[in-house]
Amino acid sequence: MSAIDRFAERARSVERTIVLPEGQDPRVVIAANKAVDEKVVKKIIVLGTEAEIAAACKEAGVTERKFETLDYMASELLQQFADQMYEMRKAKGVTPEKALAMVSSRIYFAAMMCKNKLADGLVAGSIASTADMLRAAFHCIGTAPGIKSASSCFVMDLASPSPAGDDVLMFADCGVNPNPDADMLVDIAMATSNTYRALIGKQPKVAFLSFSTKGSAQNEILEKITAAAKKFADKVAAEGLDILCDGEIQADAAIVPSVAKAKAPDSPLAGAANILIFPDLNAGNIAYKLVQRLAHAQAYGPVLQGLAIPLNDLSRGCSAEDIYGEIVITVCQTL
């Protein structure tokens, strides 16, 4: 059973409404129908004009719509959201006219639906850019309590289990923060732990990765990693969280029990980390793509995290199946 199939079982335990803003995309309407068919949502709302959605359905071969539609530009919600955006952003210089222009964007309108509890989560990005998604997330939704920095992770569905027996690992941050400082790494680790528990339902085991294991090398570029690992461990202890963590630690000592015995015999991870925190975006992005392409892992993401309400981005080269997978993940993030 694939990771998404297992996540779908968790998604079916709740009833959630997801909004898909890009109703002009044939891939979106296929994914929307599948989400309803698979009963992973209570309701799907697809934004677009009737002409756009009809054209997308025709191209996709969708003859029966199992999702709801909303022509957002003709909706009475548009002015309501504009007024709300103005109040939210007027201190930043946003005028009523600018606020209306902002919520006239599909992504902003959908994000405002989430803010107003008309939807529980949002999935987009098959057409919109990641920058568009992040702006909507920050302007409309904001970060979750206790987290200052939003981030992303990739859910790596491995073709064969890790040496510790895990078939799903999470890599972070691989898509948002280019060079996080120690405090941002702590936020990334906490958000990824929350994502892991929501999707997998097991204890997060967090490794702060580097080229050094517990002082085996000395270099100033290690300082933020060791500081982040200590701050995160202190936070876990102070709040009594059910999370194991360690760092700085090399990747092999983090995920291979036999190597951990030799390199880090006192590590609480014991070579069984299921969350890998990378020191910067270079390392994270390179790592997930190598594992995806050389080890034939299925990579789901970037899953945006640390937000007050789940909002997830897509690759513009995504398939309808990828969109369906992100819908499932988004539902699970509400758990």
Foldseek 3Di string as FASTA:
>chain_A
DFLLVLLLVLLLVDAFEEEELPLLALLQQVLQVVCVVSNSYNAYEYEDDPVSNVVSCVVNVNPDRPHHYDPVVPDPVLLVQLVVLCVQCVVVVQDSVNSSVLCVDSLLVSLQCCLVVVGQEYEYALPDDPVNNVVSQCSRFNFAPPAHDKAFKKWWQFPAAFQLGDRIAIEPRQPDFFADFLSNLLNGQVFVQLLCCLSPVDAAEEEEEDPDAPPPDDDPLCVRSVSNQVVNVVVCVVVVHRHFYDDDHHLQLQANLVVVCVRPVPGPSSNNHRYYYYRGNVVRNVVVVCCCPVRVIDIQARFMTRTNGGYGHDHNPDGSVSSSSNVSSNSSSSD
